[in-house]
Amino acid sequence: MTLDATDRAIIAATQSGLPLVPHPYAAIAADLGMTEGVLCDRLRAMQASGIIRRIAVAPNHYALGMTANGMSVWDVDDAQVAELGQKVGDLAFVSHCYERPRALPEWPYNLFAMLHGTSREEVEALRLQVADLLGDACAGHDILYSTRILKKTGLRLRSGKG
C-alpha cells in the first residue's frame, strides 16, 4: 500500500494526537471533509498494511504522578519468552513489553518491560511480581530507572516525503 493524498492528510491530522472531544474521529473526519466511517476504514487499511503499527494512548506518566519509571530487563528462557512476555505485557502496571536479542556475553537480557509507579519502592515491588510470574524461566534481571522523558511522539510526515 502506498500513501495517497487522503492518507497523508489523515496522518497529518492525527500525528500530534487526537482532539480531546467526545467523538475525536468524527471531528477529524469533519475537518477533512469525509465521514467518520471512511476515516476509520482508511486508518484500519493503513494499519493492516503496516503503514500504521497501532493507535494507542501515550500518557505522560510523570504528569500522572508515576515518577519512578523503570525499564526492567529479564533473562528469560528462549523457549518461553514469547508466552511469558505476553503475560508480562498484560500486567496493568506495564506500559510496554517486548523481546530483543541478547548481546552476549555483556548483555544476557532478552525481555524488556517498562514498569510504572509513584516511588522506586513501588516499582521494586512490581518487579518482584514480574519475577514471580516468570519463575524458574528467568535466570536474572535488572532495572534501569528513567530520569527524564526523551521522546513522546509518533509518526511524523515531512512535506513531500513518505
N, C-alpha and C. Protein backbone atom coordinates (compact mmCIF):
# COMPACT_ATOMS: atom_id res chain seq x y z
N MET A 1 0.85 -1.19 0.00
CA MET A 1 0.00 0.00 0.00
C MET A 1 0.89 1.24 0.00
N THR A 2 0.57 2.20 -0.84
CA THR A 2 1.27 3.47 -0.85
C THR A 2 0.32 4.55 -0.33
N LEU A 3 0.89 5.59 0.19
CA LEU A 3 0.09 6.69 0.72
C LEU A 3 -0.39 7.59 -0.40
N ASP A 4 -1.69 7.86 -0.40
CA ASP A 4 -2.21 8.86 -1.34
C ASP A 4 -2.42 10.16 -0.55
N ALA A 5 -2.92 11.18 -1.22
CA ALA A 5 -3.09 12.49 -0.58
C ALA A 5 -4.04 12.42 0.61
N THR A 6 -5.08 11.61 0.52
CA THR A 6 -6.03 11.49 1.62
C THR A 6 -5.37 10.84 2.83
N ASP A 7 -4.61 9.76 2.61
CA ASP A 7 -3.91 9.10 3.72
C ASP A 7 -2.92 10.07 4.38
N ARG A 8 -2.22 10.83 3.55
CA ARG A 8 -1.28 11.81 4.10
C ARG A 8 -2.01 12.85 4.95
N ALA A 9 -3.17 13.28 4.48
CA ALA A 9 -3.96 14.26 5.24
C ALA A 9 -4.43 13.67 6.57
N ILE A 10 -4.82 12.41 6.56
CA ILE A 10 -5.25 11.74 7.80
C ILE A 10 -4.08 11.66 8.78
N ILE A 11 -2.93 11.25 8.29
CA ILE A 11 -1.76 11.16 9.17
C ILE A 11 -1.39 12.54 9.70
N ALA A 12 -1.39 13.54 8.85
CA ALA A 12 -1.06 14.90 9.29
C ALA A 12 -2.05 15.39 10.35
N ALA A 13 -3.31 15.02 10.21
CA ALA A 13 -4.34 15.47 11.15
C ALA A 13 -4.28 14.72 12.48
N THR A 14 -3.64 13.56 12.50
CA THR A 14 -3.62 12.75 13.73
C THR A 14 -2.24 12.61 14.35
N GLN A 15 -1.19 13.03 13.66
CA GLN A 15 0.15 12.75 14.15
C GLN A 15 0.51 13.44 15.45
N SER A 16 -0.18 14.49 15.80
CA SER A 16 0.08 15.14 17.10
C SER A 16 -0.90 14.71 18.17
N GLY A 17 -1.76 13.76 17.84
CA GLY A 17 -2.73 13.27 18.82
C GLY A 17 -4.15 13.57 18.37
N LEU A 18 -5.07 12.89 19.01
CA LEU A 18 -6.48 13.09 18.69
C LEU A 18 -7.02 14.26 19.51
N PRO A 19 -8.03 14.95 18.99
CA PRO A 19 -8.62 16.05 19.77
C PRO A 19 -9.34 15.50 21.00
N LEU A 20 -9.30 16.24 22.08
CA LEU A 20 -9.95 15.83 23.32
C LEU A 20 -11.42 16.27 23.31
N VAL A 21 -12.19 15.57 22.52
CA VAL A 21 -13.63 15.83 22.36
C VAL A 21 -14.35 14.49 22.48
N PRO A 22 -15.65 14.49 22.71
CA PRO A 22 -16.36 13.21 22.87
C PRO A 22 -16.25 12.26 21.68
N HIS A 23 -16.13 12.77 20.46
CA HIS A 23 -16.06 11.93 19.26
C HIS A 23 -14.89 12.40 18.39
N PRO A 24 -13.65 12.04 18.79
CA PRO A 24 -12.48 12.58 18.09
C PRO A 24 -12.39 12.18 16.62
N TYR A 25 -12.77 10.95 16.28
CA TYR A 25 -12.67 10.54 14.88
C TYR A 25 -13.69 11.29 14.02
N ALA A 26 -14.86 11.55 14.56
CA ALA A 26 -15.86 12.33 13.82
C ALA A 26 -15.36 13.75 13.59
N ALA A 27 -14.70 14.33 14.61
CA ALA A 27 -14.17 15.70 14.46
C ALA A 27 -13.09 15.76 13.39
N ILE A 28 -12.19 14.80 13.40
CA ILE A 28 -11.13 14.77 12.39
C ILE A 28 -11.73 14.58 11.00
N ALA A 29 -12.68 13.65 10.90
CA ALA A 29 -13.32 13.39 9.61
C ALA A 29 -13.99 14.65 9.07
N ALA A 30 -14.70 15.37 9.94
CA ALA A 30 -15.36 16.60 9.52
C ALA A 30 -14.34 17.62 9.02
N ASP A 31 -13.23 17.74 9.73
CA ASP A 31 -12.18 18.68 9.31
C ASP A 31 -11.61 18.30 7.93
N LEU A 32 -11.60 17.00 7.63
CA LEU A 32 -11.03 16.53 6.37
C LEU A 32 -12.08 16.37 5.27
N GLY A 33 -13.34 16.66 5.59
CA GLY A 33 -14.39 16.58 4.58
C GLY A 33 -14.78 15.16 4.21
N MET A 34 -14.78 14.27 5.18
CA MET A 34 -15.19 12.88 4.93
C MET A 34 -16.04 12.40 6.10
N THR A 35 -16.60 11.23 5.97
CA THR A 35 -17.39 10.68 7.07
C THR A 35 -16.46 9.99 8.06
N GLU A 36 -16.96 9.81 9.26
CA GLU A 36 -16.19 9.10 10.28
C GLU A 36 -15.91 7.66 9.83
N GLY A 37 -16.88 7.03 9.17
CA GLY A 37 -16.70 5.67 8.68
C GLY A 37 -15.56 5.56 7.68
N VAL A 38 -15.50 6.50 6.75
CA VAL A 38 -14.42 6.50 5.75
C VAL A 38 -13.07 6.68 6.44
N LEU A 39 -13.00 7.63 7.37
CA LEU A 39 -11.76 7.86 8.11
C LEU A 39 -11.31 6.58 8.81
N CYS A 40 -12.22 5.95 9.53
CA CYS A 40 -11.87 4.73 10.28
C CYS A 40 -11.48 3.59 9.34
N ASP A 41 -12.16 3.47 8.21
CA ASP A 41 -11.80 2.43 7.23
C ASP A 41 -10.38 2.65 6.72
N ARG A 42 -10.04 3.89 6.44
CA ARG A 42 -8.70 4.19 5.91
C ARG A 42 -7.64 3.97 6.99
N LEU A 43 -7.94 4.32 8.23
CA LEU A 43 -6.99 4.05 9.31
C LEU A 43 -6.77 2.54 9.47
N ARG A 44 -7.86 1.76 9.41
CA ARG A 44 -7.74 0.30 9.51
C ARG A 44 -6.92 -0.26 8.36
N ALA A 45 -7.13 0.26 7.15
CA ALA A 45 -6.37 -0.21 5.98
C ALA A 45 -4.88 0.11 6.15
N MET A 46 -4.57 1.30 6.63
CA MET A 46 -3.16 1.66 6.85
C MET A 46 -2.55 0.79 7.94
N GLN A 47 -3.33 0.45 8.95
CA GLN A 47 -2.83 -0.42 10.00
C GLN A 47 -2.63 -1.84 9.46
N ALA A 48 -3.58 -2.34 8.71
CA ALA A 48 -3.47 -3.70 8.15
C ALA A 48 -2.28 -3.83 7.21
N SER A 49 -1.93 -2.75 6.51
CA SER A 49 -0.81 -2.81 5.57
C SER A 49 0.53 -2.56 6.25
N GLY A 50 0.51 -2.17 7.51
CA GLY A 50 1.75 -1.93 8.23
C GLY A 50 2.23 -0.50 8.19
N ILE A 51 1.52 0.37 7.50
CA ILE A 51 1.91 1.79 7.49
C ILE A 51 1.76 2.38 8.88
N ILE A 52 0.68 2.00 9.56
CA ILE A 52 0.46 2.38 10.96
C ILE A 52 0.55 1.09 11.77
N ARG A 53 1.40 1.07 12.79
CA ARG A 53 1.51 -0.14 13.62
C ARG A 53 0.36 -0.26 14.60
N ARG A 54 0.02 0.86 15.24
CA ARG A 54 -1.05 0.83 16.22
C ARG A 54 -1.53 2.24 16.50
N ILE A 55 -2.71 2.32 17.03
CA ILE A 55 -3.26 3.59 17.51
C ILE A 55 -3.45 3.39 19.00
N ALA A 56 -2.78 4.21 19.79
CA ALA A 56 -2.79 3.99 21.23
C ALA A 56 -2.61 5.30 21.98
N VAL A 57 -2.97 5.26 23.24
CA VAL A 57 -2.73 6.38 24.14
C VAL A 57 -1.26 6.37 24.53
N ALA A 58 -0.63 7.52 24.55
CA ALA A 58 0.75 7.66 25.01
C ALA A 58 0.75 8.64 26.17
N PRO A 59 0.42 8.16 27.38
CA PRO A 59 0.30 9.08 28.51
C PRO A 59 1.66 9.61 28.96
N ASN A 60 1.63 10.77 29.56
CA ASN A 60 2.80 11.33 30.21
C ASN A 60 2.76 10.81 31.64
N HIS A 61 3.51 9.76 31.93
CA HIS A 61 3.47 9.13 33.24
C HIS A 61 3.90 10.08 34.35
N TYR A 62 4.81 10.97 34.04
CA TYR A 62 5.24 11.94 35.05
C TYR A 62 4.07 12.83 35.47
N ALA A 63 3.28 13.29 34.49
CA ALA A 63 2.14 14.15 34.80
C ALA A 63 1.07 13.40 35.59
N LEU A 64 1.04 12.08 35.47
CA LEU A 64 0.09 11.26 36.21
C LEU A 64 0.61 10.86 37.59
N GLY A 65 1.78 11.37 37.97
CA GLY A 65 2.34 11.06 39.28
C GLY A 65 3.20 9.81 39.28
N MET A 66 3.40 9.19 38.14
CA MET A 66 4.21 7.98 38.04
C MET A 66 5.64 8.40 37.73
N THR A 67 6.36 8.82 38.76
CA THR A 67 7.69 9.40 38.55
C THR A 67 8.82 8.41 38.72
N ALA A 68 8.52 7.19 39.14
CA ALA A 68 9.55 6.16 39.31
C ALA A 68 9.37 5.10 38.24
N ASN A 69 9.69 5.45 37.03
CA ASN A 69 9.52 4.54 35.90
C ASN A 69 10.82 3.78 35.66
N GLY A 70 10.71 2.47 35.53
CA GLY A 70 11.90 1.66 35.34
C GLY A 70 11.76 0.67 34.21
N MET A 71 12.76 0.63 33.35
CA MET A 71 12.80 -0.38 32.31
C MET A 71 13.43 -1.63 32.93
N SER A 72 12.61 -2.63 33.15
CA SER A 72 13.13 -3.88 33.71
C SER A 72 13.59 -4.75 32.55
N VAL A 73 14.69 -5.46 32.78
CA VAL A 73 15.26 -6.34 31.77
C VAL A 73 15.40 -7.73 32.37
N TRP A 74 15.07 -8.74 31.56
CA TRP A 74 14.95 -10.11 32.06
C TRP A 74 15.67 -11.09 31.15
N ASP A 75 16.35 -12.04 31.74
CA ASP A 75 17.00 -13.13 31.02
C ASP A 75 16.05 -14.33 31.11
N VAL A 76 15.20 -14.47 30.07
CA VAL A 76 14.14 -15.47 30.08
C VAL A 76 14.48 -16.59 29.10
N ASP A 77 14.16 -17.81 29.49
CA ASP A 77 14.36 -18.97 28.63
C ASP A 77 13.76 -18.70 27.25
N ASP A 78 14.57 -18.87 26.20
CA ASP A 78 14.13 -18.54 24.85
C ASP A 78 12.87 -19.31 24.43
N ALA A 79 12.71 -20.53 24.91
CA ALA A 79 11.55 -21.34 24.53
C ALA A 79 10.25 -20.81 25.15
N GLN A 80 10.37 -19.97 26.19
CA GLN A 80 9.19 -19.48 26.90
C GLN A 80 9.00 -17.97 26.81
N VAL A 81 9.94 -17.26 26.20
CA VAL A 81 9.93 -15.80 26.25
C VAL A 81 8.69 -15.21 25.58
N ALA A 82 8.22 -15.76 24.48
CA ALA A 82 7.05 -15.19 23.80
C ALA A 82 5.80 -15.32 24.68
N GLU A 83 5.58 -16.50 25.22
CA GLU A 83 4.40 -16.74 26.06
C GLU A 83 4.47 -15.91 27.34
N LEU A 84 5.61 -15.92 28.00
CA LEU A 84 5.74 -15.17 29.25
C LEU A 84 5.75 -13.67 29.01
N GLY A 85 6.34 -13.25 27.90
CA GLY A 85 6.34 -11.82 27.56
C GLY A 85 4.92 -11.30 27.39
N GLN A 86 4.05 -12.09 26.78
CA GLN A 86 2.64 -11.70 26.63
C GLN A 86 1.99 -11.52 28.00
N LYS A 87 2.29 -12.42 28.92
CA LYS A 87 1.71 -12.32 30.28
C LYS A 87 2.23 -11.09 31.01
N VAL A 88 3.51 -10.80 30.86
CA VAL A 88 4.07 -9.60 31.49
C VAL A 88 3.45 -8.35 30.87
N GLY A 89 3.33 -8.34 29.56
CA GLY A 89 2.74 -7.19 28.87
C GLY A 89 1.29 -6.95 29.24
N ASP A 90 0.60 -7.98 29.69
CA ASP A 90 -0.80 -7.84 30.10
C ASP A 90 -0.97 -7.27 31.49
N LEU A 91 0.11 -7.15 32.26
CA LEU A 91 0.01 -6.59 33.62
C LEU A 91 -0.36 -5.11 33.55
N ALA A 92 -1.22 -4.68 34.45
CA ALA A 92 -1.73 -3.30 34.42
C ALA A 92 -0.64 -2.24 34.60
N PHE A 93 0.43 -2.57 35.28
CA PHE A 93 1.48 -1.58 35.56
C PHE A 93 2.60 -1.59 34.52
N VAL A 94 2.44 -2.39 33.45
CA VAL A 94 3.43 -2.45 32.38
C VAL A 94 2.87 -1.71 31.16
N SER A 95 3.58 -0.66 30.71
CA SER A 95 3.08 0.09 29.55
C SER A 95 3.53 -0.54 28.24
N HIS A 96 4.70 -1.13 28.21
CA HIS A 96 5.14 -1.83 27.02
C HIS A 96 6.14 -2.92 27.40
N CYS A 97 6.07 -3.99 26.62
CA CYS A 97 6.90 -5.15 26.88
C CYS A 97 7.29 -5.75 25.54
N TYR A 98 8.56 -6.07 25.36
CA TYR A 98 8.99 -6.59 24.07
C TYR A 98 10.24 -7.45 24.23
N GLU A 99 10.41 -8.32 23.24
CA GLU A 99 11.57 -9.20 23.19
C GLU A 99 12.64 -8.55 22.33
N ARG A 100 13.90 -8.68 22.75
CA ARG A 100 15.04 -8.18 21.99
C ARG A 100 16.14 -9.24 22.01
N PRO A 101 17.00 -9.24 21.01
CA PRO A 101 18.10 -10.21 21.02
C PRO A 101 19.08 -9.91 22.15
N ARG A 102 19.66 -10.95 22.66
CA ARG A 102 20.72 -10.80 23.67
C ARG A 102 21.99 -10.28 22.98
N ALA A 103 22.89 -9.66 23.74
CA ALA A 103 24.19 -9.25 23.24
C ALA A 103 25.24 -9.88 24.16
N LEU A 104 25.39 -11.19 24.02
CA LEU A 104 26.29 -11.94 24.90
C LEU A 104 27.74 -11.65 24.57
N PRO A 105 28.63 -11.67 25.54
CA PRO A 105 28.38 -12.03 26.93
C PRO A 105 27.99 -10.86 27.82
N GLU A 106 28.04 -9.63 27.29
CA GLU A 106 27.80 -8.45 28.13
C GLU A 106 26.35 -8.27 28.54
N TRP A 107 25.41 -8.63 27.68
CA TRP A 107 24.00 -8.31 27.92
C TRP A 107 23.16 -9.58 27.72
N PRO A 108 22.82 -10.28 28.81
CA PRO A 108 22.09 -11.55 28.68
C PRO A 108 20.58 -11.41 28.58
N TYR A 109 20.06 -10.19 28.60
CA TYR A 109 18.62 -9.96 28.71
C TYR A 109 17.91 -9.99 27.35
N ASN A 110 16.77 -10.65 27.31
CA ASN A 110 16.01 -10.76 26.07
C ASN A 110 14.56 -10.30 26.19
N LEU A 111 14.13 -9.92 27.39
CA LEU A 111 12.77 -9.42 27.59
C LEU A 111 12.85 -8.09 28.34
N PHE A 112 12.16 -7.08 27.80
CA PHE A 112 12.17 -5.74 28.38
C PHE A 112 10.73 -5.37 28.75
N ALA A 113 10.53 -4.77 29.91
CA ALA A 113 9.19 -4.36 30.33
C ALA A 113 9.28 -3.06 31.12
N MET A 114 8.54 -2.04 30.69
CA MET A 114 8.55 -0.76 31.37
C MET A 114 7.54 -0.81 32.51
N LEU A 115 8.02 -0.60 33.73
CA LEU A 115 7.20 -0.63 34.93
C LEU A 115 6.99 0.80 35.43
N HIS A 116 5.78 1.10 35.88
CA HIS A 116 5.46 2.45 36.32
C HIS A 116 4.93 2.45 37.74
N GLY A 117 5.45 3.37 38.56
CA GLY A 117 4.98 3.52 39.93
C GLY A 117 5.23 4.92 40.43
N THR A 118 4.72 5.20 41.62
CA THR A 118 4.87 6.53 42.21
C THR A 118 6.15 6.66 43.02
N SER A 119 6.83 5.54 43.28
CA SER A 119 8.09 5.57 44.02
C SER A 119 8.94 4.38 43.57
N ARG A 120 10.23 4.46 43.83
CA ARG A 120 11.10 3.33 43.49
C ARG A 120 10.72 2.09 44.31
N GLU A 121 10.28 2.32 45.53
CA GLU A 121 9.85 1.18 46.36
C GLU A 121 8.67 0.46 45.71
N GLU A 122 7.73 1.23 45.18
CA GLU A 122 6.58 0.62 44.49
C GLU A 122 7.03 -0.15 43.26
N VAL A 123 7.93 0.44 42.47
CA VAL A 123 8.41 -0.23 41.27
C VAL A 123 9.18 -1.50 41.63
N GLU A 124 9.94 -1.46 42.71
CA GLU A 124 10.66 -2.67 43.15
C GLU A 124 9.67 -3.77 43.53
N ALA A 125 8.56 -3.41 44.17
CA ALA A 125 7.52 -4.40 44.50
C ALA A 125 6.89 -4.95 43.22
N LEU A 126 6.68 -4.10 42.24
CA LEU A 126 6.12 -4.54 40.96
C LEU A 126 7.10 -5.47 40.25
N ARG A 127 8.39 -5.16 40.35
CA ARG A 127 9.40 -6.01 39.74
C ARG A 127 9.38 -7.41 40.36
N LEU A 128 9.13 -7.49 41.65
CA LEU A 128 9.03 -8.80 42.31
C LEU A 128 7.83 -9.58 41.78
N GLN A 129 6.73 -8.88 41.46
CA GLN A 129 5.57 -9.55 40.87
C GLN A 129 5.93 -10.14 39.50
N VAL A 130 6.69 -9.39 38.71
CA VAL A 130 7.10 -9.90 37.41
C VAL A 130 8.02 -11.10 37.61
N ALA A 131 8.95 -11.01 38.55
CA ALA A 131 9.86 -12.12 38.81
C ALA A 131 9.09 -13.37 39.22
N ASP A 132 8.06 -13.21 40.05
CA ASP A 132 7.23 -14.35 40.45
C ASP A 132 6.52 -14.95 39.24
N LEU A 133 6.01 -14.10 38.36
CA LEU A 133 5.32 -14.57 37.17
C LEU A 133 6.27 -15.36 36.26
N LEU A 134 7.50 -14.88 36.11
CA LEU A 134 8.47 -15.54 35.24
C LEU A 134 9.03 -16.82 35.86
N GLY A 135 9.09 -16.86 37.18
CA GLY A 135 9.52 -18.07 37.89
C GLY A 135 10.88 -18.59 37.44
N ASP A 136 10.96 -19.91 37.34
CA ASP A 136 12.22 -20.58 37.01
C ASP A 136 12.67 -20.32 35.57
N ALA A 137 11.81 -19.77 34.73
CA ALA A 137 12.19 -19.48 33.35
C ALA A 137 13.13 -18.27 33.28
N CYS A 138 13.27 -17.55 34.39
CA CYS A 138 14.10 -16.35 34.43
C CYS A 138 15.40 -16.64 35.16
N ALA A 139 16.53 -16.38 34.48
CA ALA A 139 17.85 -16.62 35.06
C ALA A 139 18.46 -15.36 35.68
N GLY A 140 17.87 -14.19 35.44
CA GLY A 140 18.41 -12.96 36.01
C GLY A 140 17.64 -11.76 35.51
N HIS A 141 17.80 -10.65 36.22
CA HIS A 141 17.10 -9.43 35.82
C HIS A 141 17.76 -8.21 36.43
N ASP A 142 17.39 -7.06 35.91
CA ASP A 142 17.89 -5.78 36.42
C ASP A 142 16.85 -4.74 36.08
N ILE A 143 17.07 -3.51 36.52
CA ILE A 143 16.14 -2.43 36.20
C ILE A 143 16.94 -1.14 36.00
N LEU A 144 16.52 -0.38 35.01
CA LEU A 144 17.14 0.90 34.69
C LEU A 144 16.07 1.97 34.88
N TYR A 145 16.29 2.91 35.78
CA TYR A 145 15.28 3.93 36.08
C TYR A 145 15.38 5.13 35.16
N SER A 146 14.23 5.64 34.76
CA SER A 146 14.16 6.85 33.94
C SER A 146 14.50 8.06 34.78
N THR A 147 15.16 9.01 34.16
CA THR A 147 15.42 10.29 34.84
C THR A 147 14.71 11.44 34.15
N ARG A 148 14.29 11.21 32.88
CA ARG A 148 13.51 12.21 32.16
C ARG A 148 12.90 11.55 30.93
N ILE A 149 11.92 12.25 30.34
CA ILE A 149 11.29 11.75 29.12
C ILE A 149 12.13 12.21 27.94
N LEU A 150 12.54 11.28 27.10
CA LEU A 150 13.36 11.63 25.95
C LEU A 150 12.55 11.79 24.68
N LYS A 151 11.47 11.01 24.53
CA LYS A 151 10.69 11.06 23.29
C LYS A 151 9.26 10.68 23.61
N LYS A 152 8.33 11.44 23.09
CA LYS A 152 6.91 11.12 23.24
C LYS A 152 6.19 11.53 21.97
N THR A 153 6.60 10.99 20.84
CA THR A 153 5.94 11.33 19.59
C THR A 153 5.70 10.07 18.77
N GLY A 154 4.76 10.15 17.89
CA GLY A 154 4.51 9.06 16.97
C GLY A 154 5.02 9.43 15.59
N LEU A 155 4.37 8.86 14.60
CA LEU A 155 4.74 9.10 13.20
C LEU A 155 4.67 10.59 12.88
N ARG A 156 5.68 11.08 12.18
CA ARG A 156 5.70 12.46 11.70
C ARG A 156 6.05 12.42 10.22
N LEU A 157 5.18 12.95 9.39
CA LEU A 157 5.46 13.05 7.96
C LEU A 157 6.09 14.40 7.66
N ARG A 158 7.08 14.37 6.78
CA ARG A 158 7.64 15.62 6.28
C ARG A 158 6.96 15.94 4.97
N SER A 159 6.86 17.18 4.68
CA SER A 159 6.21 17.61 3.43
C SER A 159 6.91 16.97 2.23
N GLY A 160 6.10 16.34 1.37
CA GLY A 160 6.62 15.77 0.13
C GLY A 160 7.32 14.44 0.29
N LYS A 161 7.32 13.84 1.49
CA LYS A 161 8.02 12.57 1.74
C LYS A 161 7.00 11.50 2.05
N GLY A 162 7.46 10.24 2.04
CA GLY A 162 6.65 9.14 2.54
C GLY A 162 6.27 8.20 1.51
